[in-house]
Amino acid sequence: MKKIFLILFFLCICMCSGCISNPVVSNEGKITLYIEENYQSYMPYAKEDIPTYTFTFNGNLNTIRDVPRTYYTVFSQNEDIILSDALNELFIQYQESIYIDVLATEDVKTTKFTTIDENGKIKNVEYTPDDHKIYEETAYIPLDNGLNLTVDYRRFVYEGHNYYTWRMKQSITMWLYYPLMVIEEQDEKELLIVPLPHLVSTHLSPQLKLNSMMKGKEYVYPNVLYYGYNYPEIFETLEEKQKYVREFYLNHYDGQLEEDGTISITYLGICFQIQLDENNFKVNYMGKYNQDEKN
C-alpha cells in the first residue's frame, strides 16, 4: 500500500516504543480508526454506514498523540505483551485471508522487548528468539466491512509463541485504507469508497487534500489514470492475477459474473462493475442501487 512522502517521513522520525520523547495518549480497551468528517461530508452514505475499524484489547495501550490523521495510529511506550496478545487475536481472526509480507529477516542472539516496571517506567528487556531470528513484516488484512487494514511490526518467536514489537527504526503502525472515487452527477460532486482487494494500491485516498480532489475535473470518474488498478505483484501470470481479483469480488462482495467476463457488485448502496483487462483492472461506477428497480 502506498503512503505519501510526508506521512512516511513522519513515521520515520517517530521514536521506537521504548523511547519517551513523543507525547502519547492512553487508550483503554479499544482504538477506533476512521476517515475525517470533512471527507464524510461529501459522501452519499448515512454517517452510521461509513465503515470504520475498532481495534480491541485487554488493558491499556498508548499511541502517539500528534499523529495527524484519524485513519492510522502509531503505538509507543507500551507493555508490549498486551499489544502482542491483541495482535495475535487479530491475526488469528483473519487467518484465512491475511497476507504477511516478510520485508527483512535478521539473525540475532537476543532482541529487545518493551515492558513497564513496577514504578510505571518504560524498560527494554532482552529475549532470545527460539530460532535466533527477527522478522520485519507487514500484515495485510481484508476486513469484514470491505476496507483493508495493515500492521507494520517486528516479530520474533519465544518459547513457541509469536511476539510483536517495534521495529528498530519505526514503531508498530496500524493503518486503515480508504480507496476513494470522485463522481459528478447533475453538477454535484460526491466522494465514494471504492472496494478493492488487499494487496492492491489505490490512487485516491484521504492522504490527498480534499480541496484538490473535489475541485476541477482531474479526479472525476472515469479518468483511467485513477480508476485503473494494478494487479498484485505476488502473482506471476495474468491468469493468476485475474483469478485473484475475480474470486475476491465474487467471494467477498457476492459478485455476479456477467457473460462478458465483468463482475457486478454492490458496496454501501453503490453499484460497481469490475473489468479485468490485460495490464490492470478497472472499477467502473454504475450508479446508486435502487431496491424498487431491483424488485
C-alpha atoms as a PDB file:
ATOM      1  CA  MET A   1       0.000   0.000   0.000  1.00  0.00           C
ATOM      2  CA  LYS A   2       1.263   3.460  -0.899  1.00  0.00           C
ATOM      3  CA  LYS A   3       1.743   6.134   1.745  1.00  0.00           C
ATOM      4  CA  ILE A   4       2.588   9.668   0.713  1.00  0.00           C
ATOM      5  CA  PHE A   5       6.044  11.020   1.456  1.00  0.00           C
ATOM      6  CA  LEU A   6       5.168  13.424   4.238  1.00  0.00           C
ATOM      7  CA  ILE A   7       3.413  10.796   6.304  1.00  0.00           C
ATOM      8  CA  LEU A   8       6.203   8.320   5.666  1.00  0.00           C
ATOM      9  CA  PHE A   9       8.645  10.951   6.875  1.00  0.00           C
ATOM     10  CA  PHE A  10       6.578  11.480   9.999  1.00  0.00           C
ATOM     11  CA  LEU A  11       6.623   7.766  10.747  1.00  0.00           C
ATOM     12  CA  CYS A  12      10.365   7.553  10.204  1.00  0.00           C
ATOM     13  CA  ILE A  13      11.064  10.208  12.808  1.00  0.00           C
ATOM     14  CA  CYS A  14       8.766   8.540  15.336  1.00  0.00           C
ATOM     15  CA  MET A  15      10.945   7.013  18.011  1.00  0.00           C
ATOM     16  CA  CYS A  16      10.687   3.373  18.989  1.00  0.00           C
ATOM     17  CA  SER A  17       8.225   2.137  21.599  1.00  0.00           C
ATOM     18  CA  GLY A  18      10.850   2.089  24.332  1.00  0.00           C
ATOM     19  CA  CYS A  19      11.598   5.803  23.991  1.00  0.00           C
ATOM     20  CA  ILE A  20       9.780   8.631  25.736  1.00  0.00           C
ATOM     21  CA  SER A  21      10.317  11.704  23.544  1.00  0.00           C
ATOM     22  CA  ASN A  22       6.914  11.534  21.833  1.00  0.00           C
ATOM     23  CA  PRO A  23       3.842  12.544  23.856  1.00  0.00           C
ATOM     24  CA  VAL A  24       1.307   9.716  23.975  1.00  0.00           C
ATOM     25  CA  VAL A  25      -2.375   9.265  24.745  1.00  0.00           C
ATOM     26  CA  SER A  26      -3.776   6.378  26.738  1.00  0.00           C
ATOM     27  CA  ASN A  27      -6.393   4.076  25.180  1.00  0.00           C
ATOM     28  CA  GLU A  28      -8.386   1.794  27.439  1.00  0.00           C
ATOM     29  CA  GLY A  29      -9.594  -1.342  25.698  1.00  0.00           C
ATOM     30  CA  LYS A  30     -10.025  -0.004  22.168  1.00  0.00           C
ATOM     31  CA  ILE A  31      -8.791   2.278  19.391  1.00  0.00           C
ATOM     32  CA  THR A  32     -11.057   3.365  16.525  1.00  0.00           C
ATOM     33  CA  LEU A  33      -9.735   4.354  13.093  1.00  0.00           C
ATOM     34  CA  TYR A  34     -11.952   6.359  10.725  1.00  0.00           C
ATOM     35  CA  ILE A  35     -11.985   8.857   7.891  1.00  0.00           C
ATOM     36  CA  GLU A  36     -12.253  12.527   8.886  1.00  0.00           C
ATOM     37  CA  GLU A  37     -15.639  14.235   8.919  1.00  0.00           C
ATOM     38  CA  ASN A  38     -14.764  16.755   6.199  1.00  0.00           C
ATOM     39  CA  TYR A  39     -14.345  13.822   3.785  1.00  0.00           C
ATOM     40  CA  GLN A  40     -17.504  12.182   5.114  1.00  0.00           C
ATOM     41  CA  SER A  41     -19.486  15.329   4.312  1.00  0.00           C
ATOM     42  CA  TYR A  42     -19.032  14.666   0.573  1.00  0.00           C
ATOM     43  CA  MET A  43     -20.158  11.045   0.796  1.00  0.00           C
ATOM     44  CA  PRO A  44     -23.685   9.894  -0.133  1.00  0.00           C
ATOM     45  CA  TYR A  45     -23.873   7.421   2.771  1.00  0.00           C
ATOM     46  CA  ALA A  46     -25.587   7.715   6.111  1.00  0.00           C
ATOM     47  CA  LYS A  47     -22.968   8.604   8.717  1.00  0.00           C
ATOM     48  CA  GLU A  48     -23.502   5.341  10.579  1.00  0.00           C
ATOM     49  CA  ASP A  49     -22.889   3.361   7.358  1.00  0.00           C
ATOM     50  CA  ILE A  50     -19.405   4.749   6.699  1.00  0.00           C
ATOM     51  CA  PRO A  51     -17.058   1.902   7.650  1.00  0.00           C
ATOM     52  CA  THR A  52     -14.558   2.302  10.483  1.00  0.00           C
ATOM     53  CA  TYR A  53     -12.356  -0.144  12.358  1.00  0.00           C
ATOM     54  CA  THR A  54     -12.103  -0.632  16.133  1.00  0.00           C
ATOM     55  CA  PHE A  55      -9.073  -2.493  17.456  1.00  0.00           C
ATOM     56  CA  THR A  56      -9.963  -4.058  20.814  1.00  0.00           C
ATOM     57  CA  PHE A  57      -7.672  -5.369  23.537  1.00  0.00           C
ATOM     58  CA  ASN A  58      -7.496  -6.110  27.238  1.00  0.00           C
ATOM     59  CA  GLY A  59      -5.883  -3.357  29.287  1.00  0.00           C
ATOM     60  CA  ASN A  60      -4.288  -0.104  28.204  1.00  0.00           C
ATOM     61  CA  LEU A  61      -2.246   0.804  25.132  1.00  0.00           C
ATOM     62  CA  ASN A  62      -0.537   4.112  24.376  1.00  0.00           C
ATOM     63  CA  THR A  63      -0.430   5.744  20.951  1.00  0.00           C
ATOM     64  CA  ILE A  64       1.472   8.792  19.762  1.00  0.00           C
ATOM     65  CA  ARG A  65      -0.657  11.873  20.391  1.00  0.00           C
ATOM     66  CA  ASP A  66       0.338  14.004  17.416  1.00  0.00           C
ATOM     67  CA  VAL A  67      -0.373  11.597  14.563  1.00  0.00           C
ATOM     68  CA  PRO A  68      -2.060  13.949  12.066  1.00  0.00           C
ATOM     69  CA  ARG A  69      -4.781  11.699  10.624  1.00  0.00           C
ATOM     70  CA  THR A  70      -7.560   9.605  12.107  1.00  0.00           C
ATOM     71  CA  TYR A  71      -7.240   6.523   9.881  1.00  0.00           C
ATOM     72  CA  TYR A  72      -3.907   5.332  11.268  1.00  0.00           C
ATOM     73  CA  THR A  73      -2.210   5.129  14.639  1.00  0.00           C
ATOM     74  CA  VAL A  74       1.314   4.624  15.990  1.00  0.00           C
ATOM     75  CA  PHE A  75       1.891   2.626  19.177  1.00  0.00           C
ATOM     76  CA  SER A  76       4.511   3.827  21.655  1.00  0.00           C
ATOM     77  CA  GLN A  77       5.641   3.373  25.291  1.00  0.00           C
ATOM     78  CA  ASN A  78       3.659   0.203  25.881  1.00  0.00           C
ATOM     79  CA  GLU A  79       3.697  -3.074  27.733  1.00  0.00           C
ATOM     80  CA  ASP A  80       4.356  -4.982  24.516  1.00  0.00           C
ATOM     81  CA  ILE A  81       2.887  -8.219  25.820  1.00  0.00           C
ATOM     82  CA  ILE A  82      -0.569  -6.557  25.799  1.00  0.00           C
ATOM     83  CA  LEU A  83      -0.071  -5.450  22.209  1.00  0.00           C
ATOM     84  CA  SER A  84       1.306  -8.859  21.215  1.00  0.00           C
ATOM     85  CA  ASP A  85      -1.721 -10.648  22.663  1.00  0.00           C
ATOM     86  CA  ALA A  86      -4.102  -8.293  20.839  1.00  0.00           C
ATOM     87  CA  LEU A  87      -2.311  -8.658  17.510  1.00  0.00           C
ATOM     88  CA  ASN A  88      -2.239 -12.432  17.877  1.00  0.00           C
ATOM     89  CA  GLU A  89      -6.018 -12.419  18.327  1.00  0.00           C
ATOM     90  CA  LEU A  90      -6.472 -10.139  15.306  1.00  0.00           C
ATOM     91  CA  PHE A  91      -4.267 -12.278  13.071  1.00  0.00           C
ATOM     92  CA  ILE A  92      -5.982 -15.479  14.161  1.00  0.00           C
ATOM     93  CA  GLN A  93      -9.396 -13.920  13.462  1.00  0.00           C
ATOM     94  CA  TYR A  94      -8.376 -13.257   9.841  1.00  0.00           C
ATOM     95  CA  GLN A  95      -6.033 -16.205   9.374  1.00  0.00           C
ATOM     96  CA  GLU A  96      -7.951 -17.463   6.330  1.00  0.00           C
ATOM     97  CA  SER A  97      -7.392 -14.255   4.351  1.00  0.00           C
ATOM     98  CA  ILE A  98      -4.448 -12.404   5.924  1.00  0.00           C
ATOM     99  CA  TYR A  99      -1.278 -11.918   3.860  1.00  0.00           C
ATOM    100  CA  ILE A 100       2.059 -11.465   5.646  1.00  0.00           C
ATOM    101  CA  ASP A 101       4.790  -9.685   3.702  1.00  0.00           C
ATOM    102  CA  VAL A 102       8.215 -10.513   5.171  1.00  0.00           C
ATOM    103  CA  LEU A 103      10.315  -7.418   4.483  1.00  0.00           C
ATOM    104  CA  ALA A 104      13.529  -8.436   6.251  1.00  0.00           C
ATOM    105  CA  THR A 105      14.968 -11.264   8.329  1.00  0.00           C
ATOM    106  CA  GLU A 106      17.945 -10.890  10.646  1.00  0.00           C
ATOM    107  CA  ASP A 107      19.977 -13.378  12.655  1.00  0.00           C
ATOM    108  CA  VAL A 108      20.338 -12.241  16.267  1.00  0.00           C
ATOM    109  CA  LYS A 109      21.452 -13.560  19.633  1.00  0.00           C
ATOM    110  CA  THR A 110      18.851 -11.508  21.516  1.00  0.00           C
ATOM    111  CA  THR A 111      16.192  -8.906  20.699  1.00  0.00           C
ATOM    112  CA  LYS A 112      14.554  -6.100  22.680  1.00  0.00           C
ATOM    113  CA  PHE A 113      11.016  -6.134  24.040  1.00  0.00           C
ATOM    114  CA  THR A 114       9.342  -3.268  25.894  1.00  0.00           C
ATOM    115  CA  THR A 115       7.765  -3.676  29.305  1.00  0.00           C
ATOM    116  CA  ILE A 116       6.607  -1.467  32.189  1.00  0.00           C
ATOM    117  CA  ASP A 117       8.372  -1.870  35.534  1.00  0.00           C
ATOM    118  CA  GLU A 118       6.778  -1.706  38.997  1.00  0.00           C
ATOM    119  CA  ASN A 119       7.272   2.077  39.041  1.00  0.00           C
ATOM    120  CA  GLY A 120       5.479   2.587  35.725  1.00  0.00           C
ATOM    121  CA  LYS A 121       8.721   3.237  33.862  1.00  0.00           C
ATOM    122  CA  ILE A 122       9.429   2.023  30.315  1.00  0.00           C
ATOM    123  CA  LYS A 123      12.067  -0.715  30.266  1.00  0.00           C
ATOM    124  CA  ASN A 124      13.542  -2.743  27.423  1.00  0.00           C
ATOM    125  CA  VAL A 125      14.247  -6.387  28.213  1.00  0.00           C
ATOM    126  CA  GLU A 126      16.243  -8.917  26.217  1.00  0.00           C
ATOM    127  CA  TYR A 127      14.709 -12.085  24.787  1.00  0.00           C
ATOM    128  CA  THR A 128      16.459 -14.921  22.978  1.00  0.00           C
ATOM    129  CA  PRO A 129      14.314 -15.969  19.980  1.00  0.00           C
ATOM    130  CA  ASP A 130      13.834 -19.710  19.559  1.00  0.00           C
ATOM    131  CA  ASP A 131      15.347 -19.613  16.064  1.00  0.00           C
ATOM    132  CA  HIS A 132      17.685 -16.646  16.760  1.00  0.00           C
ATOM    133  CA  LYS A 133      15.868 -14.601  14.128  1.00  0.00           C
ATOM    134  CA  ILE A 134      13.749 -11.459  13.996  1.00  0.00           C
ATOM    135  CA  TYR A 135      11.318 -10.660  11.197  1.00  0.00           C
ATOM    136  CA  GLU A 136      10.198  -7.249   9.988  1.00  0.00           C
ATOM    137  CA  GLU A 137       6.761  -7.736   8.464  1.00  0.00           C
ATOM    138  CA  THR A 138       3.614  -6.044   7.235  1.00  0.00           C
ATOM    139  CA  ALA A 139       0.280  -7.793   7.700  1.00  0.00           C
ATOM    140  CA  TYR A 140      -2.433  -7.098   5.083  1.00  0.00           C
ATOM    141  CA  ILE A 141      -5.938  -7.804   6.341  1.00  0.00           C
ATOM    142  CA  PRO A 142      -9.209  -7.575   4.356  1.00  0.00           C
ATOM    143  CA  LEU A 143     -11.806  -6.541   6.926  1.00  0.00           C
ATOM    144  CA  ASP A 144     -15.406  -7.685   7.005  1.00  0.00           C
ATOM    145  CA  ASN A 145     -16.611  -4.129   6.278  1.00  0.00           C
ATOM    146  CA  GLY A 146     -14.869  -4.010   2.881  1.00  0.00           C
ATOM    147  CA  LEU A 147     -11.858  -1.932   3.941  1.00  0.00           C
ATOM    148  CA  ASN A 148      -8.264  -3.093   4.279  1.00  0.00           C
ATOM    149  CA  LEU A 149      -6.021  -2.848   7.325  1.00  0.00           C
ATOM    150  CA  THR A 150      -2.241  -3.080   7.533  1.00  0.00           C
ATOM    151  CA  VAL A 151       0.018  -3.514  10.554  1.00  0.00           C
ATOM    152  CA  ASP A 152       3.781  -2.864  10.465  1.00  0.00           C
ATOM    153  CA  TYR A 153       5.852  -4.573  13.195  1.00  0.00           C
ATOM    154  CA  ARG A 154       8.852  -6.665  14.208  1.00  0.00           C
ATOM    155  CA  ARG A 155       8.161 -10.278  15.167  1.00  0.00           C
ATOM    156  CA  PHE A 156      10.130 -12.965  16.951  1.00  0.00           C
ATOM    157  CA  VAL A 157       9.282 -16.397  18.338  1.00  0.00           C
ATOM    158  CA  TYR A 158       9.942 -17.111  22.007  1.00  0.00           C
ATOM    159  CA  GLU A 159       9.036 -20.393  23.697  1.00  0.00           C
ATOM    160  CA  GLY A 160       6.900 -21.260  20.694  1.00  0.00           C
ATOM    161  CA  HIS A 161       4.829 -18.057  20.746  1.00  0.00           C
ATOM    162  CA  ASN A 162       4.834 -15.067  18.383  1.00  0.00           C
ATOM    163  CA  TYR A 163       5.749 -11.729  19.954  1.00  0.00           C
ATOM    164  CA  TYR A 164       5.237  -8.387  18.205  1.00  0.00           C
ATOM    165  CA  THR A 165       7.121  -5.203  18.959  1.00  0.00           C
ATOM    166  CA  TRP A 166       8.554  -2.034  17.418  1.00  0.00           C
ATOM    167  CA  ARG A 167      10.982  -2.095  14.536  1.00  0.00           C
ATOM    168  CA  MET A 168      14.420  -0.624  15.155  1.00  0.00           C
ATOM    169  CA  LYS A 169      13.555   2.456  13.077  1.00  0.00           C
ATOM    170  CA  GLN A 170       9.755   2.558  13.326  1.00  0.00           C
ATOM    171  CA  SER A 171       7.059   1.937  15.886  1.00  0.00           C
ATOM    172  CA  ILE A 172       4.208  -0.509  15.347  1.00  0.00           C
ATOM    173  CA  THR A 173       1.803   1.217  12.980  1.00  0.00           C
ATOM    174  CA  MET A 174      -1.813   0.318  12.173  1.00  0.00           C
ATOM    175  CA  TRP A 175      -3.329   1.802   9.018  1.00  0.00           C
ATOM    176  CA  LEU A 176      -6.927   1.697   7.717  1.00  0.00           C
ATOM    177  CA  TYR A 177      -7.273   2.300   3.973  1.00  0.00           C
ATOM    178  CA  TYR A 178      -9.999   4.290   2.250  1.00  0.00           C
ATOM    179  CA  PRO A 179      -9.724   3.997  -1.566  1.00  0.00           C
ATOM    180  CA  LEU A 180     -11.769   6.870  -2.980  1.00  0.00           C
ATOM    181  CA  MET A 181     -13.547   7.846  -6.195  1.00  0.00           C
ATOM    182  CA  VAL A 182     -14.912  11.238  -7.210  1.00  0.00           C
ATOM    183  CA  ILE A 183     -18.125  11.182  -9.241  1.00  0.00           C
ATOM    184  CA  GLU A 184     -20.125  14.063 -10.685  1.00  0.00           C
ATOM    185  CA  GLU A 185     -23.862  13.904 -11.302  1.00  0.00           C
ATOM    186  CA  GLN A 186     -26.087  16.872 -12.073  1.00  0.00           C
ATOM    187  CA  ASP A 187     -23.127  19.202 -11.495  1.00  0.00           C
ATOM    188  CA  GLU A 188     -22.667  17.859  -7.957  1.00  0.00           C
ATOM    189  CA  LYS A 189     -19.517  16.027  -6.917  1.00  0.00           C
ATOM    190  CA  GLU A 190     -19.550  13.187  -4.420  1.00  0.00           C
ATOM    191  CA  LEU A 191     -16.894  11.034  -2.814  1.00  0.00           C
ATOM    192  CA  LEU A 192     -17.285   7.252  -2.905  1.00  0.00           C
ATOM    193  CA  ILE A 193     -15.375   4.494  -1.140  1.00  0.00           C
ATOM    194  CA  VAL A 194     -14.065   2.016  -3.708  1.00  0.00           C
ATOM    195  CA  PRO A 195     -13.986  -1.686  -2.752  1.00  0.00           C
ATOM    196  CA  LEU A 196     -10.507  -3.021  -3.552  1.00  0.00           C
ATOM    197  CA  PRO A 197      -8.765  -6.322  -2.818  1.00  0.00           C
ATOM    198  CA  HIS A 198      -5.997  -6.162  -0.242  1.00  0.00           C
ATOM    199  CA  LEU A 199      -2.520  -6.004  -1.827  1.00  0.00           C
ATOM    200  CA  VAL A 200      -3.898  -3.513  -4.383  1.00  0.00           C
ATOM    201  CA  SER A 201      -2.734   0.114  -4.137  1.00  0.00           C
ATOM    202  CA  THR A 202      -5.162   2.973  -4.624  1.00  0.00           C
ATOM    203  CA  HIS A 203      -4.537   6.253  -6.412  1.00  0.00           C
ATOM    204  CA  LEU A 204      -7.029   8.386  -4.482  1.00  0.00           C
ATOM    205  CA  SER A 205      -7.267   8.367  -0.698  1.00  0.00           C
ATOM    206  CA  PRO A 206      -7.673  10.831   2.202  1.00  0.00           C
ATOM    207  CA  GLN A 207      -3.910  11.279   2.046  1.00  0.00           C
ATOM    208  CA  LEU A 208      -4.749  13.732  -0.750  1.00  0.00           C
ATOM    209  CA  LYS A 209      -6.150  17.122   0.197  1.00  0.00           C
ATOM    210  CA  LEU A 210      -9.926  17.238  -0.026  1.00  0.00           C
ATOM    211  CA  ASN A 211      -9.972  20.512  -1.966  1.00  0.00           C
ATOM    212  CA  SER A 212      -7.597  19.062  -4.538  1.00  0.00           C
ATOM    213  CA  MET A 213      -9.885  16.096  -5.170  1.00  0.00           C
ATOM    214  CA  MET A 214     -13.152  17.994  -5.274  1.00  0.00           C
ATOM    215  CA  LYS A 215     -12.098  20.933  -7.470  1.00  0.00           C
ATOM    216  CA  GLY A 216     -11.862  20.730 -11.235  1.00  0.00           C
ATOM    217  CA  LYS A 217     -12.164  17.625 -13.400  1.00  0.00           C
ATOM    218  CA  GLU A 218      -8.821  15.878 -12.861  1.00  0.00           C
ATOM    219  CA  TYR A 219     -10.003  13.259 -10.366  1.00  0.00           C
ATOM    220  CA  VAL A 220     -13.575  12.813 -11.593  1.00  0.00           C
ATOM    221  CA  TYR A 221     -14.537   9.307 -12.784  1.00  0.00           C
ATOM    222  CA  PRO A 222     -13.921   7.830 -15.382  1.00  0.00           C
ATOM    223  CA  ASN A 223     -10.346   9.153 -15.579  1.00  0.00           C
ATOM    224  CA  VAL A 224      -8.454   5.903 -16.241  1.00  0.00           C
ATOM    225  CA  LEU A 225      -5.332   7.263 -14.535  1.00  0.00           C
ATOM    226  CA  TYR A 226      -7.087   6.952 -11.186  1.00  0.00           C
ATOM    227  CA  TYR A 227      -9.608   4.145 -11.585  1.00  0.00           C
ATOM    228  CA  GLY A 228      -7.455   1.523 -13.264  1.00  0.00           C
ATOM    229  CA  TYR A 229      -5.628  -0.561 -10.638  1.00  0.00           C
ATOM    230  CA  ASN A 230      -2.504  -2.678 -10.930  1.00  0.00           C
ATOM    231  CA  TYR A 231      -2.746  -6.366 -10.189  1.00  0.00           C
ATOM    232  CA  PRO A 232      -0.889  -7.591  -7.062  1.00  0.00           C
ATOM    233  CA  GLU A 233       2.772  -8.217  -7.762  1.00  0.00           C
ATOM    234  CA  ILE A 234       2.836 -11.502  -5.843  1.00  0.00           C
ATOM    235  CA  PHE A 235       1.341 -13.286  -8.869  1.00  0.00           C
ATOM    236  CA  GLU A 236       3.399 -14.038 -11.962  1.00  0.00           C
ATOM    237  CA  THR A 237       0.910 -14.836 -14.722  1.00  0.00           C
ATOM    238  CA  LEU A 238      -2.018 -12.791 -15.965  1.00  0.00           C
ATOM    239  CA  GLU A 239      -4.283 -15.782 -15.340  1.00  0.00           C
ATOM    240  CA  GLU A 240      -3.283 -15.868 -11.651  1.00  0.00           C
ATOM    241  CA  LYS A 241      -3.725 -12.115 -11.283  1.00  0.00           C
ATOM    242  CA  GLN A 242      -7.170 -12.075 -12.845  1.00  0.00           C
ATOM    243  CA  LYS A 243      -8.251 -15.144 -10.879  1.00  0.00           C
ATOM    244  CA  TYR A 244      -7.276 -13.464  -7.604  1.00  0.00           C
ATOM    245  CA  VAL A 245      -9.245 -10.305  -8.387  1.00  0.00           C
ATOM    246  CA  ARG A 246     -12.232 -12.213  -9.791  1.00  0.00           C
ATOM    247  CA  GLU A 247     -12.516 -14.557  -6.802  1.00  0.00           C
ATOM    248  CA  PHE A 248     -12.033 -11.731  -4.345  1.00  0.00           C
ATOM    249  CA  TYR A 249     -15.080  -9.841  -5.641  1.00  0.00           C
ATOM    250  CA  LEU A 250     -17.167 -12.983  -6.073  1.00  0.00           C
ATOM    251  CA  ASN A 251     -16.424 -14.253  -2.559  1.00  0.00           C
ATOM    252  CA  HIS A 252     -16.185 -11.032  -0.526  1.00  0.00           C
ATOM    253  CA  TYR A 253     -18.901  -8.979  -2.209  1.00  0.00           C
ATOM    254  CA  ASP A 254     -21.309 -11.623  -3.515  1.00  0.00           C
ATOM    255  CA  GLY A 255     -20.370 -10.514  -7.003  1.00  0.00           C
ATOM    256  CA  GLN A 256     -22.216 -11.580 -10.124  1.00  0.00           C
ATOM    257  CA  LEU A 257     -20.079 -12.872 -13.009  1.00  0.00           C
ATOM    258  CA  GLU A 258     -21.509 -11.483 -16.230  1.00  0.00           C
ATOM    259  CA  GLU A 259     -21.423 -13.062 -19.698  1.00  0.00           C
ATOM    260  CA  ASP A 260     -18.818 -10.550 -20.893  1.00  0.00           C
ATOM    261  CA  GLY A 261     -16.463 -11.519 -18.055  1.00  0.00           C
ATOM    262  CA  THR A 262     -17.062  -8.430 -15.942  1.00  0.00           C
ATOM    263  CA  ILE A 263     -18.199  -8.689 -12.322  1.00  0.00           C
ATOM    264  CA  SER A 264     -21.102  -6.714 -10.904  1.00  0.00           C
ATOM    265  CA  ILE A 265     -21.084  -5.830  -7.201  1.00  0.00           C
ATOM    266  CA  THR A 266     -22.877  -3.503  -4.820  1.00  0.00           C
ATOM    267  CA  TYR A 267     -21.000  -1.855  -1.956  1.00  0.00           C
ATOM    268  CA  LEU A 268     -22.575   0.597   0.505  1.00  0.00           C
ATOM    269  CA  GLY A 269     -25.519   1.064  -1.848  1.00  0.00           C
ATOM    270  CA  ILE A 270     -23.330   1.860  -4.871  1.00  0.00           C
ATOM    271  CA  CYS A 271     -23.164  -0.370  -7.948  1.00  0.00           C
ATOM    272  CA  PHE A 272     -19.761  -1.078  -9.479  1.00  0.00           C
ATOM    273  CA  GLN A 273     -18.537  -3.091 -12.448  1.00  0.00           C
ATOM    274  CA  ILE A 274     -15.135  -4.810 -12.254  1.00  0.00           C
ATOM    275  CA  GLN A 275     -13.447  -5.029 -15.645  1.00  0.00           C
ATOM    276  CA  LEU A 276     -10.427  -7.352 -15.937  1.00  0.00           C
ATOM    277  CA  ASP A 277      -8.003  -6.100 -18.585  1.00  0.00           C
ATOM    278  CA  GLU A 278      -4.566  -7.288 -19.593  1.00  0.00           C
ATOM    279  CA  ASN A 279      -2.482  -4.591 -17.910  1.00  0.00           C
ATOM    280  CA  ASN A 280      -4.761  -3.750 -14.990  1.00  0.00           C
ATOM    281  CA  PHE A 281      -8.336  -3.973 -13.796  1.00  0.00           C
ATOM    282  CA  LYS A 282     -10.858  -1.159 -13.686  1.00  0.00           C
ATOM    283  CA  VAL A 283     -13.569  -0.336 -11.178  1.00  0.00           C
ATOM    284  CA  ASN A 284     -16.428   1.337 -13.041  1.00  0.00           C
ATOM    285  CA  TYR A 285     -19.139   3.356 -11.320  1.00  0.00           C
ATOM    286  CA  MET A 286     -22.567   2.138 -12.449  1.00  0.00           C
ATOM    287  CA  GLY A 287     -24.933   4.201 -10.292  1.00  0.00           C
ATOM    288  CA  LYS A 288     -26.705   4.065  -6.972  1.00  0.00           C
ATOM    289  CA  TYR A 289     -28.544   0.890  -6.026  1.00  0.00           C
ATOM    290  CA  ASN A 290     -32.342   1.187  -6.231  1.00  0.00           C
ATOM    291  CA  GLN A 291     -34.235  -1.537  -4.376  1.00  0.00           C
ATOM    292  CA  ASP A 292     -37.524  -0.681  -6.082  1.00  0.00           C
ATOM    293  CA  GLU A 293     -35.976  -1.084  -9.549  1.00  0.00           C
ATOM    294  CA  LYS A 294     -34.375  -4.368  -8.427  1.00  0.00           C
ATOM    295  CA  ASN A 295     -37.747  -5.722  -7.410  1.00  0.00           C
END
